[in-house]
C-alpha atoms as a PDB file:
ATOM      1  CA  MET A   1      -0.055   0.079  -0.218  1.00  0.00           C
ATOM      2  CA  PHE A   2       2.254   2.768   1.431  1.00  0.00           C
ATOM      3  CA  GLU A   3       5.740   1.858   0.309  1.00  0.00           C
ATOM      4  CA  ARG A   4       7.425   5.116   0.080  1.00  0.00           C
ATOM      5  CA  ILE A   5       6.800   7.362   2.810  1.00  0.00           C
ATOM      6  CA  LEU A   6       8.099  11.203   3.465  1.00  0.00           C
ATOM      7  CA  VAL A   7       8.181  12.628   6.809  1.00  0.00           C
ATOM      8  CA  VAL A   8       8.123  16.282   6.719  1.00  0.00           C
ATOM      9  CA  CYS A   9       8.447  19.277   9.201  1.00  0.00           C
ATOM     10  CA  ASP A  10      10.207  22.649   8.696  1.00  0.00           C
ATOM     11  CA  GLY A  11      13.874  22.554   9.036  1.00  0.00           C
ATOM     12  CA  ASN A  12      14.171  18.781   8.826  1.00  0.00           C
ATOM     13  CA  ILE A  13      16.526  18.515  12.029  1.00  0.00           C
ATOM     14  CA  CYS A  14      14.320  17.585  14.811  1.00  0.00           C
ATOM     15  CA  ARG A  15      10.737  16.032  14.447  1.00  0.00           C
ATOM     16  CA  SER A  16      10.922  14.510  10.773  1.00  0.00           C
ATOM     17  CA  PRO A  17      14.348  12.544  11.221  1.00  0.00           C
ATOM     18  CA  THR A  18      13.105  11.396  14.444  1.00  0.00           C
ATOM     19  CA  VAL A  19       9.779  10.165  13.233  1.00  0.00           C
ATOM     20  CA  ALA A  20      11.475   8.635  10.252  1.00  0.00           C
ATOM     21  CA  ALA A  21      13.369   6.531  12.512  1.00  0.00           C
ATOM     22  CA  MET A  22      10.560   5.378  14.513  1.00  0.00           C
ATOM     23  CA  LEU A  23       9.095   4.088  11.122  1.00  0.00           C
ATOM     24  CA  LYS A  24      12.352   2.808   9.842  1.00  0.00           C
ATOM     25  CA  ALA A  25      12.313   0.579  13.131  1.00  0.00           C
ATOM     26  CA  GLU A  26       8.949  -0.556  12.841  1.00  0.00           C
ATOM     27  CA  ARG A  27       8.724  -1.099   9.198  1.00  0.00           C
ATOM     28  CA  PRO A  28      12.233  -1.937   7.983  1.00  0.00           C
ATOM     29  CA  GLU A  29      11.044  -2.967   4.633  1.00  0.00           C
ATOM     30  CA  LYS A  30       9.466   0.389   3.829  1.00  0.00           C
ATOM     31  CA  THR A  31      11.401   3.449   2.272  1.00  0.00           C
ATOM     32  CA  VAL A  32      11.075   6.185   4.628  1.00  0.00           C
ATOM     33  CA  SER A  33      12.800   9.518   4.332  1.00  0.00           C
ATOM     34  CA  SER A  34      12.479  12.595   5.470  1.00  0.00           C
ATOM     35  CA  ALA A  35      12.661  16.787   4.300  1.00  0.00           C
ATOM     36  CA  GLY A  36      12.006  20.431   5.526  1.00  0.00           C
ATOM     37  CA  LEU A  37       9.658  22.864   3.959  1.00  0.00           C
ATOM     38  CA  VAL A  38      12.546  24.986   4.547  1.00  0.00           C
ATOM     39  CA  GLY A  39      15.109  22.557   5.197  1.00  0.00           C
ATOM     40  CA  LEU A  40      18.536  22.942   6.668  1.00  0.00           C
ATOM     41  CA  GLU A  41      20.228  21.441   3.814  1.00  0.00           C
ATOM     42  CA  GLY A  42      23.226  19.486   5.213  1.00  0.00           C
ATOM     43  CA  HIS A  43      22.804  19.864   8.860  1.00  0.00           C
ATOM     44  CA  ASP A  44      22.883  16.938  10.905  1.00  0.00           C
ATOM     45  CA  MET A  45      20.056  16.090  13.357  1.00  0.00           C
ATOM     46  CA  ASP A  46      19.531  18.404  16.504  1.00  0.00           C
ATOM     47  CA  GLU A  47      21.776  16.993  19.158  1.00  0.00           C
ATOM     48  CA  THR A  48      18.724  17.387  21.846  1.00  0.00           C
ATOM     49  CA  ALA A  49      16.373  15.312  19.262  1.00  0.00           C
ATOM     50  CA  ARG A  50      19.051  12.605  18.929  1.00  0.00           C
ATOM     51  CA  ALA A  51      19.806  12.681  22.817  1.00  0.00           C
ATOM     52  CA  VAL A  52      16.087  12.221  23.453  1.00  0.00           C
ATOM     53  CA  ALA A  53      15.648   9.766  20.968  1.00  0.00           C
ATOM     54  CA  ALA A  54      18.513   7.595  22.163  1.00  0.00           C
ATOM     55  CA  SER A  55      17.352   7.817  25.732  1.00  0.00           C
ATOM     56  CA  ASN A  56      14.283   6.082  24.358  1.00  0.00           C
ATOM     57  CA  SER A  57      16.351   3.362  22.805  1.00  0.00           C
ATOM     58  CA  LEU A  58      15.744   4.988  19.303  1.00  0.00           C
ATOM     59  CA  GLU A  59      18.987   5.054  16.944  1.00  0.00           C
ATOM     60  CA  CYS A  60      18.416   7.707  14.619  1.00  0.00           C
ATOM     61  CA  GLY A  61      21.444   6.938  12.213  1.00  0.00           C
ATOM     62  CA  GLU A  62      23.081   9.382  10.074  1.00  0.00           C
ATOM     63  CA  HIS A  63      21.380  12.269   8.807  1.00  0.00           C
ATOM     64  CA  SER A  64      21.806  15.208   6.544  1.00  0.00           C
ATOM     65  CA  GLY A  65      19.047  17.888   6.294  1.00  0.00           C
ATOM     66  CA  ARG A  66      17.097  18.589   3.027  1.00  0.00           C
ATOM     67  CA  LYS A  67      14.610  20.855   1.470  1.00  0.00           C
ATOM     68  CA  LEU A  68      10.990  19.248   0.211  1.00  0.00           C
ATOM     69  CA  THR A  69      11.207  19.104  -3.724  1.00  0.00           C
ATOM     70  CA  THR A  70       8.715  18.388  -6.577  1.00  0.00           C
ATOM     71  CA  GLU A  71      10.539  15.140  -6.822  1.00  0.00           C
ATOM     72  CA  LEU A  72      10.439  14.148  -3.329  1.00  0.00           C
ATOM     73  CA  CYS A  73       6.438  14.818  -3.222  1.00  0.00           C
ATOM     74  CA  ARG A  74       6.055  12.861  -6.349  1.00  0.00           C
ATOM     75  CA  ASP A  75       7.998   9.910  -5.594  1.00  0.00           C
ATOM     76  CA  ALA A  76       6.431   9.531  -2.007  1.00  0.00           C
ATOM     77  CA  ASP A  77       2.960   7.575  -1.624  1.00  0.00           C
ATOM     78  CA  LEU A  78       2.280   9.050   1.744  1.00  0.00           C
ATOM     79  CA  ILE A  79       3.603  12.335   3.209  1.00  0.00           C
ATOM     80  CA  LEU A  80       3.424  12.774   6.738  1.00  0.00           C
ATOM     81  CA  VAL A  81       3.576  16.348   8.422  1.00  0.00           C
ATOM     82  CA  MET A  82       3.686  17.710  12.131  1.00  0.00           C
ATOM     83  CA  GLU A  83       1.299  20.556  11.703  1.00  0.00           C
ATOM     84  CA  ALA A  84      -1.827  21.640   9.887  1.00  0.00           C
ATOM     85  CA  ARG A  85       0.087  24.522   8.152  1.00  0.00           C
ATOM     86  CA  GLN A  86       2.717  22.400   6.796  1.00  0.00           C
ATOM     87  CA  ARG A  87       0.263  20.748   5.145  1.00  0.00           C
ATOM     88  CA  ASP A  88      -1.462  23.519   3.619  1.00  0.00           C
ATOM     89  CA  ARG A  89       2.025  24.760   2.615  1.00  0.00           C
ATOM     90  CA  ILE A  90       2.559  21.407   1.024  1.00  0.00           C
ATOM     91  CA  ILE A  91      -0.872  21.352  -0.977  1.00  0.00           C
ATOM     92  CA  GLU A  92      -0.482  25.000  -2.079  1.00  0.00           C
ATOM     93  CA  ARG A  93       3.019  24.303  -3.336  1.00  0.00           C
ATOM     94  CA  PHE A  94       2.834  20.971  -4.745  1.00  0.00           C
ATOM     95  CA  PRO A  95      -1.040  20.445  -5.409  1.00  0.00           C
ATOM     96  CA  GLU A  96      -0.161  17.230  -6.899  1.00  0.00           C
ATOM     97  CA  ALA A  97       0.743  15.750  -3.432  1.00  0.00           C
ATOM     98  CA  SER A  98      -2.910  17.007  -1.642  1.00  0.00           C
ATOM     99  CA  GLY A  99      -4.254  13.375  -1.827  1.00  0.00           C
ATOM    100  CA  LYS A 100      -1.409  11.649   0.078  1.00  0.00           C
ATOM    101  CA  THR A 101      -0.401  14.496   2.486  1.00  0.00           C
ATOM    102  CA  PHE A 102      -1.686  13.925   6.144  1.00  0.00           C
ATOM    103  CA  LEU A 103      -0.782  15.120   9.291  1.00  0.00           C
ATOM    104  CA  LEU A 104       1.400  12.483  11.586  1.00  0.00           C
ATOM    105  CA  SER A 105      -1.453  12.699  14.319  1.00  0.00           C
ATOM    106  CA  HIS A 106      -4.449  12.051  11.735  1.00  0.00           C
ATOM    107  CA  TRP A 107      -5.616   8.573  13.643  1.00  0.00           C
ATOM    108  CA  ASN A 108      -4.796   9.883  17.026  1.00  0.00           C
ATOM    109  CA  GLY A 109      -6.497  13.269  17.492  1.00  0.00           C
ATOM    110  CA  ALA A 110      -5.181  15.264  14.308  1.00  0.00           C
ATOM    111  CA  ARG A 111      -3.373  17.882  16.523  1.00  0.00           C
ATOM    112  CA  ASP A 112      -0.200  19.715  15.762  1.00  0.00           C
ATOM    113  CA  ILE A 113       3.112  18.229  17.180  1.00  0.00           C
ATOM    114  CA  PRO A 114       4.890  21.642  18.116  1.00  0.00           C
ATOM    115  CA  ASP A 115       8.392  22.224  17.071  1.00  0.00           C
ATOM    116  CA  PRO A 116      10.903  21.817  19.971  1.00  0.00           C
ATOM    117  CA  TYR A 117      13.609  23.743  17.884  1.00  0.00           C
ATOM    118  CA  ARG A 118      15.518  26.051  20.504  1.00  0.00           C
ATOM    119  CA  ARG A 119      13.540  25.391  23.108  1.00  0.00           C
ATOM    120  CA  GLY A 120      15.343  23.429  25.500  1.00  0.00           C
ATOM    121  CA  ARG A 121      15.146  19.283  26.035  1.00  0.00           C
ATOM    122  CA  GLU A 122      11.847  19.586  28.067  1.00  0.00           C
ATOM    123  CA  ALA A 123      10.128  20.541  24.997  1.00  0.00           C
ATOM    124  CA  PHE A 124      11.738  17.694  23.147  1.00  0.00           C
ATOM    125  CA  GLU A 125      10.845  15.251  26.177  1.00  0.00           C
ATOM    126  CA  ARG A 126       7.286  16.522  25.871  1.00  0.00           C
ATOM    127  CA  ILE A 127       7.128  16.129  22.075  1.00  0.00           C
ATOM    128  CA  TYR A 128       8.580  12.523  21.739  1.00  0.00           C
ATOM    129  CA  PRO A 129       5.485  10.615  23.316  1.00  0.00           C
ATOM    130  CA  MET A 130       3.335  12.837  20.980  1.00  0.00           C
ATOM    131  CA  MET A 131       5.417  11.292  17.735  1.00  0.00           C
ATOM    132  CA  ARG A 132       5.454   7.894  19.112  1.00  0.00           C
ATOM    133  CA  GLN A 133       1.861   7.588  19.617  1.00  0.00           C
ATOM    134  CA  ALA A 134       1.119   9.142  16.223  1.00  0.00           C
ATOM    135  CA  VAL A 135       3.380   6.388  14.495  1.00  0.00           C
ATOM    136  CA  ASP A 136       1.999   3.684  16.499  1.00  0.00           C
ATOM    137  CA  ALA A 137      -1.531   4.775  14.893  1.00  0.00           C
ATOM    138  CA  TRP A 138      -0.136   4.696  11.502  1.00  0.00           C
ATOM    139  CA  LEU A 139       1.753   1.438  11.807  1.00  0.00           C
ATOM    140  CA  THR A 140      -1.687  -0.649  11.179  1.00  0.00           C
ATOM    141  CA  LYS A 141      -2.339   1.676   8.409  1.00  0.00           C
ATOM    142  CA  ILE A 142       0.788   1.393   6.626  1.00  0.00           C
END
């Protein structure tokens, strides 16, 4: 059904690489990647995001931030975003992706998952379970 999954946030250094790692760990047979609307190209994953993932026994692996492109949208079967405004921006910029772009939390409340960037470790620790629960809700669908 969904073989190529793209996870999108803003900078592609905090939420989307964490969620991509969660999905890869649970569905290793799927092709899972991430990108950002503004994409901090070439940047490694945020140190705090990586540390919080590790403290939850999630290995995120190597990462290099990248910006969302037409090609990435075209090649994905499913695009998961963290916030409704991100979905709206994708649909505006890439209308062909409208039918396959969903909130990560679509199946568990459809709430935005806030950006923890530059907000301290507590913010990362607060959103980690939100991302985990949303990923778990998608697992039966993918």
